[in-house]
Amino acid sequence: MRAFLAIDLPDATTDAIEALQRALPIGRAVPPDNLHLTLAFIENLPPDLEEPVHDALSSLRSRPVPVAFGGLTSFGDPQKGALALDVLPDPALDDLQSRAEQRLRRAGLDLPRRRFRPHVTILRGRLTGDPLTRAMTRPAPDIPGFTATAVTLHESTLGPGGAVYTPLATYPLSE
């Protein structure tokens, strides 16, 4: 099963992102239910590792983590790329992400090793030309930050209409 560990967004943040999506004349908006901040992507979660992963995440502890947003950034090929909101650097967020990945690896998962670049993808598709230039040069959007108090393991099912994310379990971060 494809899965990912993420911080889900509160309604006020999602509402502000939806307003921003409507104001940007490019790409396809990521559905509100799919907006999240990925901490770890799991290409393949085998059935025999589901319980060890659950146990590993159940014991993950952290103080609540502040999440604040910066400007827009683009990823990937301009013909089928992504536009995202940067998440401002925070040592507590970096620590949470690092400890979550370590626990998942100790549970037996083979995760890709890549630099953590916190963001929330808001648009996908053809991201080129003047509309993209205008979007990238506009002032940083006013998206309300929040304090993350839990992480959620989601299943990701790919389909013709895009990915469908199903929450499998939520893990509180309280120490």
C-alpha atoms as a PDB file:
ATOM      1  CA  MET A   1       0.000   0.000   0.000  1.00  0.00           C
ATOM      2  CA  ARG A   2       1.188   3.560  -0.768  1.00  0.00           C
ATOM      3  CA  ALA A   3       1.079   5.721   2.327  1.00  0.00           C
ATOM      4  CA  PHE A   4       2.445   8.869   3.904  1.00  0.00           C
ATOM      5  CA  LEU A   5       2.784  10.432   7.324  1.00  0.00           C
ATOM      6  CA  ALA A   6       1.554  14.012   7.445  1.00  0.00           C
ATOM      7  CA  ILE A   7       0.406  16.950   9.484  1.00  0.00           C
ATOM      8  CA  ASP A   8      -3.194  17.661   8.556  1.00  0.00           C
ATOM      9  CA  LEU A   9      -4.302  21.284   8.209  1.00  0.00           C
ATOM     10  CA  PRO A  10      -6.977  22.968  10.317  1.00  0.00           C
ATOM     11  CA  ASP A  11     -10.097  24.370   8.649  1.00  0.00           C
ATOM     12  CA  ALA A  12      -8.991  28.031   8.861  1.00  0.00           C
ATOM     13  CA  THR A  13      -5.771  27.225   7.012  1.00  0.00           C
ATOM     14  CA  THR A  14      -7.552  25.096   4.422  1.00  0.00           C
ATOM     15  CA  ASP A  15     -10.137  27.840   3.836  1.00  0.00           C
ATOM     16  CA  ALA A  16      -7.396  30.430   3.233  1.00  0.00           C
ATOM     17  CA  ILE A  17      -5.596  28.080   0.831  1.00  0.00           C
ATOM     18  CA  GLU A  18      -8.845  27.497  -1.092  1.00  0.00           C
ATOM     19  CA  ALA A  19      -9.225  31.275  -1.511  1.00  0.00           C
ATOM     20  CA  LEU A  20      -5.638  31.467  -2.777  1.00  0.00           C
ATOM     21  CA  GLN A  21      -6.246  28.583  -5.208  1.00  0.00           C
ATOM     22  CA  ARG A  22      -9.243  30.431  -6.674  1.00  0.00           C
ATOM     23  CA  ALA A  23      -7.097  33.567  -7.136  1.00  0.00           C
ATOM     24  CA  LEU A  24      -4.387  31.725  -9.113  1.00  0.00           C
ATOM     25  CA  PRO A  25      -5.276  31.233 -12.801  1.00  0.00           C
ATOM     26  CA  ILE A  26      -3.055  28.202 -13.346  1.00  0.00           C
ATOM     27  CA  GLY A  27      -3.057  24.459 -12.802  1.00  0.00           C
ATOM     28  CA  ARG A  28      -5.601  22.269 -10.996  1.00  0.00           C
ATOM     29  CA  ALA A  29      -6.410  22.961  -7.376  1.00  0.00           C
ATOM     30  CA  VAL A  30      -5.522  20.208  -4.914  1.00  0.00           C
ATOM     31  CA  PRO A  31      -8.839  19.238  -3.253  1.00  0.00           C
ATOM     32  CA  PRO A  32      -9.244  20.596   0.291  1.00  0.00           C
ATOM     33  CA  ASP A  33      -9.282  17.073   1.770  1.00  0.00           C
ATOM     34  CA  ASN A  34      -5.885  16.388   0.167  1.00  0.00           C
ATOM     35  CA  LEU A  35      -4.066  19.438   1.581  1.00  0.00           C
ATOM     36  CA  HIS A  36      -1.390  18.375   4.076  1.00  0.00           C
ATOM     37  CA  LEU A  37       2.272  18.730   5.073  1.00  0.00           C
ATOM     38  CA  THR A  38       4.102  15.470   4.328  1.00  0.00           C
ATOM     39  CA  LEU A  39       6.640  14.268   6.889  1.00  0.00           C
ATOM     40  CA  ALA A  40       7.461  10.919   5.262  1.00  0.00           C
ATOM     41  CA  PHE A  41       6.348   9.245   2.038  1.00  0.00           C
ATOM     42  CA  ILE A  42       6.038   5.448   2.134  1.00  0.00           C
ATOM     43  CA  GLU A  43       6.141   4.054  -1.402  1.00  0.00           C
ATOM     44  CA  ASN A  44       5.223   0.577  -0.172  1.00  0.00           C
ATOM     45  CA  LEU A  45       3.857  -0.344   3.251  1.00  0.00           C
ATOM     46  CA  PRO A  46       3.759  -4.162   3.241  1.00  0.00           C
ATOM     47  CA  PRO A  47       0.997  -5.780   5.318  1.00  0.00           C
ATOM     48  CA  ASP A  48       3.556  -7.460   7.591  1.00  0.00           C
ATOM     49  CA  LEU A  49       4.971  -4.037   8.579  1.00  0.00           C
ATOM     50  CA  GLU A  50       1.643  -2.334   9.314  1.00  0.00           C
ATOM     51  CA  GLU A  51       1.692  -3.286  13.001  1.00  0.00           C
ATOM     52  CA  PRO A  52       5.392  -2.386  13.562  1.00  0.00           C
ATOM     53  CA  VAL A  53       4.765   0.988  11.857  1.00  0.00           C
ATOM     54  CA  HIS A  54       1.705   1.598  14.044  1.00  0.00           C
ATOM     55  CA  ASP A  55       3.712   0.724  17.171  1.00  0.00           C
ATOM     56  CA  ALA A  56       6.570   3.004  16.095  1.00  0.00           C
ATOM     57  CA  LEU A  57       4.262   5.947  15.468  1.00  0.00           C
ATOM     58  CA  SER A  58       2.231   5.327  18.632  1.00  0.00           C
ATOM     59  CA  SER A  59       5.332   6.020  20.703  1.00  0.00           C
ATOM     60  CA  LEU A  60       6.368   9.143  18.744  1.00  0.00           C
ATOM     61  CA  ARG A  61       6.336  12.072  21.165  1.00  0.00           C
ATOM     62  CA  SER A  62       6.968  15.748  20.599  1.00  0.00           C
ATOM     63  CA  ARG A  63       5.873  19.035  21.954  1.00  0.00           C
ATOM     64  CA  PRO A  64       3.330  20.725  19.670  1.00  0.00           C
ATOM     65  CA  VAL A  65       4.980  22.015  16.491  1.00  0.00           C
ATOM     66  CA  PRO A  66       4.390  25.505  15.067  1.00  0.00           C
ATOM     67  CA  VAL A  67       3.615  25.619  11.334  1.00  0.00           C
ATOM     68  CA  ALA A  68       3.920  28.969   9.531  1.00  0.00           C
ATOM     69  CA  PHE A  69       3.812  29.685   5.814  1.00  0.00           C
ATOM     70  CA  GLY A  70       6.053  31.689   3.504  1.00  0.00           C
ATOM     71  CA  GLY A  71       5.743  32.318  -0.212  1.00  0.00           C
ATOM     72  CA  LEU A  72       5.003  30.126  -3.201  1.00  0.00           C
ATOM     73  CA  THR A  73       7.432  27.679  -4.804  1.00  0.00           C
ATOM     74  CA  SER A  74       7.202  25.374  -7.803  1.00  0.00           C
ATOM     75  CA  PHE A  75       8.309  21.759  -8.188  1.00  0.00           C
ATOM     76  CA  GLY A  76       8.882  19.427 -11.102  1.00  0.00           C
ATOM     77  CA  ASP A  77       8.345  19.687 -14.823  1.00  0.00           C
ATOM     78  CA  PRO A  78       6.479  22.878 -15.850  1.00  0.00           C
ATOM     79  CA  GLN A  79       4.093  20.783 -17.995  1.00  0.00           C
ATOM     80  CA  LYS A  80       3.002  18.619 -15.060  1.00  0.00           C
ATOM     81  CA  GLY A  81       4.480  20.240 -12.006  1.00  0.00           C
ATOM     82  CA  ALA A  82       3.226  21.480  -8.672  1.00  0.00           C
ATOM     83  CA  LEU A  83       2.847  24.825  -6.971  1.00  0.00           C
ATOM     84  CA  ALA A  84       3.262  24.791  -3.218  1.00  0.00           C
ATOM     85  CA  LEU A  85       3.280  26.983  -0.149  1.00  0.00           C
ATOM     86  CA  ASP A  86       6.637  26.944   1.578  1.00  0.00           C
ATOM     87  CA  VAL A  87       6.530  26.145   5.275  1.00  0.00           C
ATOM     88  CA  LEU A  88       8.928  28.369   7.209  1.00  0.00           C
ATOM     89  CA  PRO A  89      11.878  26.590   8.815  1.00  0.00           C
ATOM     90  CA  ASP A  90      11.418  25.543  12.416  1.00  0.00           C
ATOM     91  CA  PRO A  91      13.760  23.327  14.483  1.00  0.00           C
ATOM     92  CA  ALA A  92      10.814  21.564  16.178  1.00  0.00           C
ATOM     93  CA  LEU A  93       9.320  20.622  12.787  1.00  0.00           C
ATOM     94  CA  ASP A  94      12.685  19.398  11.491  1.00  0.00           C
ATOM     95  CA  ASP A  95      13.176  17.341  14.665  1.00  0.00           C
ATOM     96  CA  LEU A  96       9.697  15.800  14.421  1.00  0.00           C
ATOM     97  CA  GLN A  97      10.234  14.856  10.771  1.00  0.00           C
ATOM     98  CA  SER A  98      13.651  13.349  11.482  1.00  0.00           C
ATOM     99  CA  ARG A  99      12.453  11.320  14.464  1.00  0.00           C
ATOM    100  CA  ALA A 100       9.386  10.087  12.546  1.00  0.00           C
ATOM    101  CA  GLU A 101      11.565   8.872   9.651  1.00  0.00           C
ATOM    102  CA  GLN A 102      13.975   7.172  12.074  1.00  0.00           C
ATOM    103  CA  ARG A 103      11.107   5.313  13.747  1.00  0.00           C
ATOM    104  CA  LEU A 104       9.694   4.229  10.382  1.00  0.00           C
ATOM    105  CA  ARG A 105      13.099   2.922   9.280  1.00  0.00           C
ATOM    106  CA  ARG A 106      13.547   1.032  12.562  1.00  0.00           C
ATOM    107  CA  ALA A 107      10.099  -0.514  11.950  1.00  0.00           C
ATOM    108  CA  GLY A 108      11.541  -2.002   8.742  1.00  0.00           C
ATOM    109  CA  LEU A 109      10.599   0.509   6.034  1.00  0.00           C
ATOM    110  CA  ASP A 110      13.018   1.435   3.283  1.00  0.00           C
ATOM    111  CA  LEU A 111      12.407   5.174   2.911  1.00  0.00           C
ATOM    112  CA  PRO A 112      14.125   7.324   0.306  1.00  0.00           C
ATOM    113  CA  ARG A 113      16.794   9.606   1.750  1.00  0.00           C
ATOM    114  CA  ARG A 114      16.071  13.132   0.655  1.00  0.00           C
ATOM    115  CA  ARG A 115      16.313  16.558   2.185  1.00  0.00           C
ATOM    116  CA  PHE A 116      13.172  17.575   4.061  1.00  0.00           C
ATOM    117  CA  ARG A 117      11.659  20.590   2.315  1.00  0.00           C
ATOM    118  CA  PRO A 118       8.415  21.323   4.176  1.00  0.00           C
ATOM    119  CA  HIS A 119       5.598  22.561   1.950  1.00  0.00           C
ATOM    120  CA  VAL A 120       1.913  22.156   1.173  1.00  0.00           C
ATOM    121  CA  THR A 121       1.149  21.420  -2.492  1.00  0.00           C
ATOM    122  CA  ILE A 122      -1.791  23.573  -3.597  1.00  0.00           C
ATOM    123  CA  LEU A 123      -1.887  23.256  -7.423  1.00  0.00           C
ATOM    124  CA  ARG A 124      -0.844  20.629  -9.980  1.00  0.00           C
ATOM    125  CA  GLY A 125      -0.662  20.560 -13.758  1.00  0.00           C
ATOM    126  CA  ARG A 126       0.641  22.887 -16.450  1.00  0.00           C
ATOM    127  CA  LEU A 127       2.504  25.653 -14.631  1.00  0.00           C
ATOM    128  CA  THR A 128       4.098  27.889 -17.249  1.00  0.00           C
ATOM    129  CA  GLY A 129       4.003  31.340 -18.782  1.00  0.00           C
ATOM    130  CA  ASP A 130       2.785  34.686 -17.536  1.00  0.00           C
ATOM    131  CA  PRO A 131       0.202  33.309 -15.064  1.00  0.00           C
ATOM    132  CA  LEU A 132       2.962  31.391 -13.248  1.00  0.00           C
ATOM    133  CA  THR A 133       5.282  34.408 -13.315  1.00  0.00           C
ATOM    134  CA  ARG A 134       2.531  36.605 -11.845  1.00  0.00           C
ATOM    135  CA  ALA A 135       1.743  34.001  -9.168  1.00  0.00           C
ATOM    136  CA  MET A 136       5.398  33.648  -8.175  1.00  0.00           C
ATOM    137  CA  THR A 137       6.021  37.406  -7.970  1.00  0.00           C
ATOM    138  CA  ARG A 138       2.965  38.316  -5.941  1.00  0.00           C
ATOM    139  CA  PRO A 139       3.448  39.088  -2.228  1.00  0.00           C
ATOM    140  CA  ALA A 140       3.548  36.098   0.111  1.00  0.00           C
ATOM    141  CA  PRO A 141      -0.021  34.929   0.715  1.00  0.00           C
ATOM    142  CA  ASP A 142      -1.563  35.525   4.125  1.00  0.00           C
ATOM    143  CA  ILE A 143      -2.218  31.946   5.180  1.00  0.00           C
ATOM    144  CA  PRO A 144      -2.825  31.458   8.905  1.00  0.00           C
ATOM    145  CA  GLY A 145      -0.309  29.268  10.668  1.00  0.00           C
ATOM    146  CA  PHE A 146      -1.211  26.811  13.385  1.00  0.00           C
ATOM    147  CA  THR A 147       0.251  24.514  15.997  1.00  0.00           C
ATOM    148  CA  ALA A 148       0.357  20.838  15.038  1.00  0.00           C
ATOM    149  CA  THR A 149      -0.633  18.536  17.892  1.00  0.00           C
ATOM    150  CA  ALA A 150      -0.869  15.263  15.928  1.00  0.00           C
ATOM    151  CA  VAL A 151       0.354  13.438  12.838  1.00  0.00           C
ATOM    152  CA  THR A 152      -1.734  11.181  10.615  1.00  0.00           C
ATOM    153  CA  LEU A 153      -0.833   8.108   8.591  1.00  0.00           C
ATOM    154  CA  HIS A 154      -2.754   8.195   5.284  1.00  0.00           C
ATOM    155  CA  GLU A 155      -3.208   5.608   2.570  1.00  0.00           C
ATOM    156  CA  SER A 156      -2.759   7.050  -0.932  1.00  0.00           C
ATOM    157  CA  THR A 157      -4.753   5.395  -3.723  1.00  0.00           C
ATOM    158  CA  LEU A 158      -4.028   6.572  -7.254  1.00  0.00           C
ATOM    159  CA  GLY A 159      -6.940   6.764  -9.667  1.00  0.00           C
ATOM    160  CA  PRO A 160      -7.920   8.418 -12.937  1.00  0.00           C
ATOM    161  CA  GLY A 161      -9.247  11.479 -11.092  1.00  0.00           C
ATOM    162  CA  GLY A 162      -6.108  11.848  -8.980  1.00  0.00           C
ATOM    163  CA  ALA A 163      -5.040  10.526  -5.612  1.00  0.00           C
ATOM    164  CA  VAL A 164      -7.520   9.676  -2.878  1.00  0.00           C
ATOM    165  CA  TYR A 165      -6.174   9.929   0.656  1.00  0.00           C
ATOM    166  CA  THR A 166      -7.686   7.844   3.422  1.00  0.00           C
ATOM    167  CA  PRO A 167      -6.626   8.464   7.031  1.00  0.00           C
ATOM    168  CA  LEU A 168      -5.554   5.216   8.686  1.00  0.00           C
ATOM    169  CA  ALA A 169      -4.543   6.433  12.157  1.00  0.00           C
ATOM    170  CA  THR A 170      -3.831   9.691  13.974  1.00  0.00           C
ATOM    171  CA  TYR A 171      -1.066   9.935  16.555  1.00  0.00           C
ATOM    172  CA  PRO A 172      -1.088  12.725  19.167  1.00  0.00           C
ATOM    173  CA  LEU A 173       2.262  14.442  19.725  1.00  0.00           C
ATOM    174  CA  SER A 174       1.881  15.202  23.430  1.00  0.00           C
ATOM    175  CA  GLU A 175       4.995  14.392  25.424  1.00  0.00           C
END
